[in-house]
Every structure is written in C-alpha cells, then in structure tokens.
C-alpha cells in the first residue's frame, strides 16, 4: 500500500485585523492551535494563488473593513492508503475533526 501527501485548501476568517501580515500570522496560529493536540503533524502555510493577468504568485488573503479572509494550505502525509480516494478521505477526516466548521477542498494528492 502506497503513502500519499494530501494538500487541502481552507478559508479562515479573522476579525479586527489591521494588516495582511497580521491576518496571515493569526490564521496560521489559530489553525495550529486547533490542530495541535490531535493532528500536530499537519503542515500549515498561507495559501498562494496565481494572478490571471501576469501569472505571478499572490497571497490568498483579503482584508475588508478590518475583517480578513485568509486562504490556508494544509499538508498531511497519509501512510498505507488503499488508493488516492482513500488517502483523501483519511486526510479530510483527520483535519476535519480538528477544524470543525471550516470548509476543506482537495488541492493536490501525490504518491510518495
């Protein structure tokens, strides 16, 4: 049975922020706190999106009226999964239990 790296994308809402850097730091910190006891092995990063015009990389965060929406990338290794779909189900289950009420989208699945 192969091992997989599953990358999930999530959206995190932060209220009362003043800068984009603060919003990204707070989002990563809050996600880490919620993942820490049960799933501390999940790697958390600020998400990146590509610009449709210049195709450059941009932060996936936005601030409007001191409220930020930050896109996070969560990466988890899944060992001995039966298939790609099985690895995705395991990753969503582990991360979803810790991050209740946070939507998750599969961004990438790679076999190790």
Protein backbone atom coordinates (compact mmCIF):
# COMPACT_ATOMS: atom_id res chain seq x y z
CA UNK A 1 0.00 0.00 0.00
CA UNK A 2 1.48 3.35 -1.01
CA UNK A 3 1.89 6.52 1.03
CA UNK A 4 0.45 9.86 -0.11
CA UNK A 5 0.84 13.56 0.57
CA UNK A 6 -2.57 15.24 0.52
CA UNK A 7 -2.77 19.03 0.25
CA UNK A 8 -6.00 20.64 1.39
CA UNK A 9 -7.11 24.23 0.99
CA UNK A 10 -9.21 26.05 3.59
CA UNK A 11 -10.58 29.54 4.20
CA UNK A 12 -10.04 31.22 7.55
CA UNK A 13 -11.89 34.35 8.75
CA UNK A 14 -10.13 36.75 11.11
CA UNK A 15 -11.86 39.78 12.65
CA UNK A 16 -10.33 43.05 13.85
CA UNK A 17 -7.04 42.94 11.93
CA UNK A 18 -5.04 45.89 10.70
CA UNK A 19 -2.62 44.38 8.19
CA UNK A 20 -2.38 41.48 5.79
CA UNK A 21 0.70 40.07 7.51
CA UNK A 22 -1.08 40.08 10.87
CA UNK A 23 -4.09 38.32 9.37
CA UNK A 24 -1.95 35.57 7.83
CA UNK A 25 0.01 35.07 11.07
CA UNK A 26 -3.14 34.90 13.17
CA UNK A 27 -4.82 32.44 10.78
CA UNK A 28 -1.81 30.10 10.82
CA UNK A 29 -1.56 30.36 14.60
CA UNK A 30 -5.27 29.68 15.20
CA UNK A 31 -5.29 26.72 12.82
CA UNK A 32 -2.17 25.34 14.52
CA UNK A 33 -3.78 25.63 17.96
CA UNK A 34 -6.85 23.73 16.80
CA UNK A 35 -4.77 21.05 15.08
CA UNK A 36 -2.16 20.72 17.84
CA UNK A 37 -3.48 18.05 20.17
CA UNK A 38 -4.83 15.59 17.61
CA UNK A 39 -3.12 16.42 14.32
CA UNK A 40 0.08 18.31 15.12
CA UNK A 41 1.78 16.64 12.15
CA UNK A 42 -0.20 18.73 9.63
CA UNK A 43 1.90 21.41 7.94
CA UNK A 44 0.17 24.80 7.70
CA UNK A 45 1.10 27.56 5.27
CA UNK A 46 -0.51 30.67 3.88
CA UNK A 47 -2.05 29.83 0.52
CA UNK A 48 -0.91 31.29 -2.78
CA UNK A 49 -2.96 31.96 -5.91
CA UNK A 50 -1.80 32.80 -9.40
CA UNK A 51 -2.65 36.15 -10.98
CA UNK A 52 -4.80 35.65 -14.09
CA UNK A 53 -3.05 38.54 -15.85
CA UNK A 54 0.66 38.22 -15.06
CA UNK A 55 0.61 34.58 -13.81
CA UNK A 56 2.65 35.63 -10.77
CA UNK A 57 2.08 34.27 -7.28
CA UNK A 58 -0.09 36.32 -4.89
CA UNK A 59 -1.06 35.81 -1.25
CA UNK A 60 -4.56 34.41 -0.93
CA UNK A 61 -5.69 36.89 1.71
CA UNK A 62 -8.05 39.85 1.60
CA UNK A 63 -8.97 42.50 4.17
CA UNK A 64 -12.23 44.45 4.03
CA UNK A 65 -13.49 46.55 6.96
CA UNK A 66 -10.91 45.07 9.37
CA UNK A 67 -12.10 41.54 8.57
CA UNK A 68 -9.75 39.19 6.73
CA UNK A 69 -10.32 36.10 4.66
CA UNK A 70 -7.11 34.06 4.55
CA UNK A 71 -6.57 31.01 2.38
CA UNK A 72 -4.53 28.32 4.12
CA UNK A 73 -2.79 25.29 2.70
CA UNK A 74 -2.78 22.21 4.93
CA UNK A 75 -0.49 19.33 4.01
CA UNK A 76 -0.72 15.88 5.59
CA UNK A 77 1.07 12.61 4.94
CA UNK A 78 -1.21 9.60 4.77
CA UNK A 79 0.51 6.25 5.21
CA UNK A 80 -0.60 2.93 3.70
CA UNK A 81 -3.76 4.13 1.96
CA UNK A 82 -5.53 1.79 -0.45
CA UNK A 83 -5.96 4.44 -3.17
CA UNK A 84 -5.88 8.19 -3.81
CA UNK A 85 -9.54 8.48 -2.85
CA UNK A 86 -8.90 6.60 0.37
CA UNK A 87 -5.99 8.94 1.20
CA UNK A 88 -8.23 11.97 0.61
CA UNK A 89 -10.95 10.55 2.88
CA UNK A 90 -8.40 9.90 5.64
CA UNK A 91 -6.90 13.40 5.35
CA UNK A 92 -10.30 15.11 5.38
CA UNK A 93 -11.36 13.03 8.37
CA UNK A 94 -8.26 13.82 10.44
CA UNK A 95 -8.15 17.53 9.59
CA UNK A 96 -11.93 17.94 9.58
CA UNK A 97 -12.26 16.63 13.15
CA UNK A 98 -9.85 19.28 14.43
CA UNK A 99 -11.11 22.13 12.23
CA UNK A 100 -14.84 21.89 12.63
CA UNK A 101 -16.90 24.42 10.65
CA UNK A 102 -14.01 25.07 8.24
CA UNK A 103 -14.56 24.04 4.65
CA UNK A 104 -11.83 21.92 3.06
CA UNK A 105 -11.03 21.45 -0.61
CA UNK A 106 -8.54 18.98 -2.04
CA UNK A 107 -5.80 20.86 -3.85
CA UNK A 108 -3.33 18.07 -4.65
CA UNK A 109 -2.66 14.38 -3.99
CA UNK A 110 0.83 12.98 -4.60
CA UNK A 111 2.04 9.43 -4.16
CA UNK A 112 5.33 9.03 -2.29
